[in-house]
Amino acid sequence: MENLIEQKNSLIRKNSVYFNSESEKIEGLVNALRLVSSDADIKTRTLLIPDNCEKYGFVEGVHNLSQFLHFLADMLEE
């Protein structure tokens, strides 16, 4: 991964990744969301957005998780 500056072990024994800039963090998140959204298991899952989430910009209802993750990736990329 060319964007990595250094990799360290955290206190909970998981790897932490540090990036050069904020834009690289966003790019990494966008790529991860797109990768996960294309997973066969994720494509069959649904996401329930409960009532009162309109204040956060989400429409109440049952949504396809894969499409939702891809939507988030698109919005972050803008």
N, C-alpha and C. Protein backbone atom coordinates (compact mmCIF):
# COMPACT_ATOMS: atom_id res chain seq x y z
N MET A 1 0.85 -1.17 0.00
CA MET A 1 0.00 0.00 0.00
C MET A 1 0.90 1.23 0.00
N GLU A 2 0.88 1.96 -1.08
CA GLU A 2 1.78 3.08 -1.24
C GLU A 2 1.45 4.27 -0.35
N ASN A 3 0.22 4.35 0.19
CA ASN A 3 -0.20 5.50 0.98
C ASN A 3 0.20 5.39 2.45
N LEU A 4 0.73 4.28 2.85
CA LEU A 4 1.05 4.08 4.26
C LEU A 4 2.33 4.81 4.64
N ILE A 5 2.29 5.47 5.77
CA ILE A 5 3.48 6.10 6.32
C ILE A 5 4.16 5.14 7.27
N GLU A 6 3.43 4.64 8.23
CA GLU A 6 3.97 3.67 9.16
C GLU A 6 2.84 2.80 9.69
N GLN A 7 3.22 1.68 10.19
CA GLN A 7 2.23 0.75 10.72
C GLN A 7 2.71 0.34 12.10
N LYS A 8 1.83 0.47 13.10
CA LYS A 8 2.18 0.14 14.48
C LYS A 8 1.11 -0.77 15.07
N ASN A 9 1.46 -1.46 16.11
CA ASN A 9 0.48 -2.24 16.85
C ASN A 9 -0.11 -1.35 17.93
N SER A 10 -1.43 -1.38 18.04
CA SER A 10 -2.08 -0.58 19.07
C SER A 10 -2.19 -1.40 20.35
N LEU A 11 -2.75 -0.79 21.38
CA LEU A 11 -2.88 -1.46 22.66
C LEU A 11 -3.84 -2.64 22.62
N ILE A 12 -4.75 -2.65 21.64
CA ILE A 12 -5.70 -3.76 21.56
C ILE A 12 -5.26 -4.79 20.52
N ARG A 13 -4.01 -4.75 20.17
CA ARG A 13 -3.37 -5.74 19.30
C ARG A 13 -3.94 -5.78 17.89
N LYS A 14 -4.34 -4.64 17.40
CA LYS A 14 -4.76 -4.53 16.01
C LYS A 14 -3.82 -3.52 15.36
N ASN A 15 -3.62 -3.67 14.08
CA ASN A 15 -2.74 -2.75 13.38
C ASN A 15 -3.41 -1.40 13.17
N SER A 16 -2.65 -0.35 13.39
CA SER A 16 -3.10 1.01 13.10
C SER A 16 -2.37 1.48 11.86
N VAL A 17 -3.07 2.20 11.02
CA VAL A 17 -2.49 2.68 9.78
C VAL A 17 -2.53 4.20 9.79
N TYR A 18 -1.43 4.81 9.43
CA TYR A 18 -1.33 6.27 9.39
C TYR A 18 -1.10 6.72 7.96
N PHE A 19 -1.79 7.77 7.55
CA PHE A 19 -1.72 8.28 6.20
C PHE A 19 -1.04 9.64 6.16
N ASN A 20 -0.56 10.02 4.98
CA ASN A 20 0.09 11.31 4.79
C ASN A 20 -0.86 12.48 5.00
N SER A 21 -2.09 12.36 4.52
CA SER A 21 -3.01 13.49 4.55
C SER A 21 -4.44 13.03 4.76
N GLU A 22 -5.30 14.02 5.03
CA GLU A 22 -6.72 13.74 5.21
C GLU A 22 -7.32 13.15 3.93
N SER A 23 -6.89 13.64 2.76
CA SER A 23 -7.47 13.15 1.51
C SER A 23 -7.14 11.68 1.29
N GLU A 24 -5.98 11.22 1.77
CA GLU A 24 -5.65 9.81 1.66
C GLU A 24 -6.52 8.96 2.57
N LYS A 25 -6.90 9.51 3.72
CA LYS A 25 -7.81 8.80 4.62
C LYS A 25 -9.16 8.61 3.95
N ILE A 26 -9.66 9.68 3.34
CA ILE A 26 -10.94 9.61 2.65
C ILE A 26 -10.86 8.63 1.49
N GLU A 27 -9.78 8.69 0.72
CA GLU A 27 -9.61 7.78 -0.41
C GLU A 27 -9.60 6.32 0.06
N GLY A 28 -8.92 6.06 1.17
CA GLY A 28 -8.89 4.71 1.73
C GLY A 28 -10.26 4.25 2.18
N LEU A 29 -11.02 5.15 2.80
CA LEU A 29 -12.37 4.82 3.25
C LEU A 29 -13.29 4.56 2.06
N VAL A 30 -13.18 5.40 1.03
CA VAL A 30 -13.99 5.22 -0.19
C VAL A 30 -13.69 3.87 -0.83
N ASN A 31 -12.41 3.55 -0.95
CA ASN A 31 -12.03 2.26 -1.55
C ASN A 31 -12.54 1.09 -0.72
N ALA A 32 -12.45 1.20 0.60
CA ALA A 32 -12.93 0.13 1.48
C ALA A 32 -14.45 -0.04 1.37
N LEU A 33 -15.18 1.06 1.34
CA LEU A 33 -16.63 0.99 1.20
C LEU A 33 -17.03 0.33 -0.11
N ARG A 34 -16.34 0.69 -1.18
CA ARG A 34 -16.66 0.10 -2.49
C ARG A 34 -16.32 -1.39 -2.51
N LEU A 35 -15.20 -1.75 -1.90
CA LEU A 35 -14.81 -3.15 -1.85
C LEU A 35 -15.84 -3.97 -1.08
N VAL A 36 -16.22 -3.49 0.09
CA VAL A 36 -17.19 -4.21 0.92
C VAL A 36 -18.55 -4.26 0.23
N SER A 37 -18.94 -3.17 -0.43
CA SER A 37 -20.26 -3.14 -1.08
C SER A 37 -20.37 -4.15 -2.22
N SER A 38 -19.24 -4.59 -2.75
CA SER A 38 -19.28 -5.55 -3.86
C SER A 38 -19.25 -7.01 -3.38
N ASP A 39 -19.14 -7.22 -2.08
CA ASP A 39 -19.12 -8.56 -1.51
C ASP A 39 -20.47 -9.25 -1.69
N ALA A 40 -20.45 -10.52 -2.09
CA ALA A 40 -21.68 -11.26 -2.36
C ALA A 40 -22.59 -11.34 -1.13
N ASP A 41 -22.01 -11.51 0.06
CA ASP A 41 -22.82 -11.60 1.28
C ASP A 41 -23.47 -10.25 1.59
N ILE A 42 -22.73 -9.17 1.42
CA ILE A 42 -23.25 -7.83 1.70
C ILE A 42 -24.37 -7.48 0.73
N LYS A 43 -24.27 -7.95 -0.52
CA LYS A 43 -25.30 -7.65 -1.51
C LYS A 43 -26.66 -8.23 -1.15
N THR A 44 -26.68 -9.24 -0.30
CA THR A 44 -27.95 -9.86 0.10
C THR A 44 -28.51 -9.29 1.40
N ARG A 45 -27.77 -8.41 2.03
CA ARG A 45 -28.18 -7.86 3.34
C ARG A 45 -29.02 -6.60 3.18
N THR A 46 -29.84 -6.35 4.19
CA THR A 46 -30.62 -5.12 4.21
C THR A 46 -30.25 -4.30 5.43
N LEU A 47 -30.54 -3.02 5.36
CA LEU A 47 -30.26 -2.08 6.43
C LEU A 47 -31.56 -1.40 6.80
N LEU A 48 -31.93 -1.45 8.06
CA LEU A 48 -33.14 -0.80 8.54
C LEU A 48 -32.76 0.56 9.11
N ILE A 49 -33.28 1.61 8.52
CA ILE A 49 -33.08 2.96 9.06
C ILE A 49 -34.37 3.32 9.78
N PRO A 50 -34.28 3.50 11.11
CA PRO A 50 -35.49 3.74 11.90
C PRO A 50 -36.05 5.16 11.72
N ASP A 51 -37.24 5.34 12.25
CA ASP A 51 -37.89 6.64 12.26
C ASP A 51 -36.99 7.65 13.00
N ASN A 52 -37.14 8.89 12.72
CA ASN A 52 -36.40 10.00 13.34
C ASN A 52 -34.97 10.15 12.82
N CYS A 53 -34.59 9.42 11.79
CA CYS A 53 -33.25 9.60 11.22
C CYS A 53 -33.25 10.63 10.10
N GLU A 54 -34.44 11.17 9.80
CA GLU A 54 -34.51 12.21 8.78
C GLU A 54 -33.67 13.42 9.16
N LYS A 55 -33.55 13.68 10.46
CA LYS A 55 -32.75 14.81 10.91
C LYS A 55 -31.27 14.64 10.56
N TYR A 56 -30.86 13.41 10.28
CA TYR A 56 -29.48 13.13 9.86
C TYR A 56 -29.37 12.97 8.34
N GLY A 57 -30.49 13.12 7.65
CA GLY A 57 -30.48 13.05 6.20
C GLY A 57 -30.78 11.68 5.63
N PHE A 58 -31.25 10.74 6.46
CA PHE A 58 -31.55 9.39 5.99
C PHE A 58 -33.06 9.15 5.99
N VAL A 59 -33.52 8.46 4.98
CA VAL A 59 -34.94 8.16 4.84
C VAL A 59 -35.25 6.86 5.57
N GLU A 60 -36.30 6.91 6.37
CA GLU A 60 -36.75 5.72 7.10
C GLU A 60 -37.10 4.60 6.13
N GLY A 61 -36.78 3.37 6.51
CA GLY A 61 -37.16 2.22 5.72
C GLY A 61 -36.09 1.16 5.65
N VAL A 62 -36.36 0.16 4.85
CA VAL A 62 -35.42 -0.96 4.65
C VAL A 62 -34.70 -0.71 3.33
N HIS A 63 -33.37 -0.74 3.38
CA HIS A 63 -32.55 -0.42 2.21
C HIS A 63 -31.55 -1.54 1.97
N ASN A 64 -31.11 -1.66 0.73
CA ASN A 64 -30.08 -2.62 0.36
C ASN A 64 -28.74 -2.11 0.91
N LEU A 65 -28.06 -2.92 1.73
CA LEU A 65 -26.82 -2.50 2.37
C LEU A 65 -25.73 -2.20 1.35
N SER A 66 -25.63 -3.02 0.32
CA SER A 66 -24.61 -2.81 -0.71
C SER A 66 -24.78 -1.46 -1.40
N GLN A 67 -26.00 -1.14 -1.76
CA GLN A 67 -26.27 0.14 -2.42
C GLN A 67 -26.02 1.30 -1.47
N PHE A 68 -26.36 1.13 -0.21
CA PHE A 68 -26.14 2.18 0.78
C PHE A 68 -24.65 2.46 0.96
N LEU A 69 -23.83 1.42 1.06
CA LEU A 69 -22.38 1.60 1.21
C LEU A 69 -21.77 2.26 -0.02
N HIS A 70 -22.24 1.84 -1.20
CA HIS A 70 -21.75 2.45 -2.44
C HIS A 70 -22.16 3.93 -2.50
N PHE A 71 -23.37 4.24 -2.06
CA PHE A 71 -23.83 5.62 -1.99
C PHE A 71 -22.93 6.45 -1.06
N LEU A 72 -22.61 5.91 0.11
CA LEU A 72 -21.73 6.62 1.03
C LEU A 72 -20.36 6.88 0.40
N ALA A 73 -19.84 5.89 -0.31
CA ALA A 73 -18.54 6.06 -1.00
C ALA A 73 -18.63 7.20 -2.01
N ASP A 74 -19.71 7.22 -2.78
CA ASP A 74 -19.89 8.29 -3.77
C ASP A 74 -19.95 9.66 -3.10
N MET A 75 -20.67 9.76 -1.99
CA MET A 75 -20.81 11.04 -1.29
C MET A 75 -19.47 11.51 -0.70
N LEU A 76 -18.70 10.59 -0.19
CA LEU A 76 -17.38 10.94 0.37
C LEU A 76 -16.42 11.39 -0.71
N GLU A 77 -16.59 10.85 -1.90
CA GLU A 77 -15.68 11.16 -3.00
C GLU A 77 -15.93 12.55 -3.57
N GLU A 78 -17.14 13.07 -3.40
CA GLU A 78 -17.49 14.40 -3.95
C GLU A 78 -16.71 15.49 -3.29
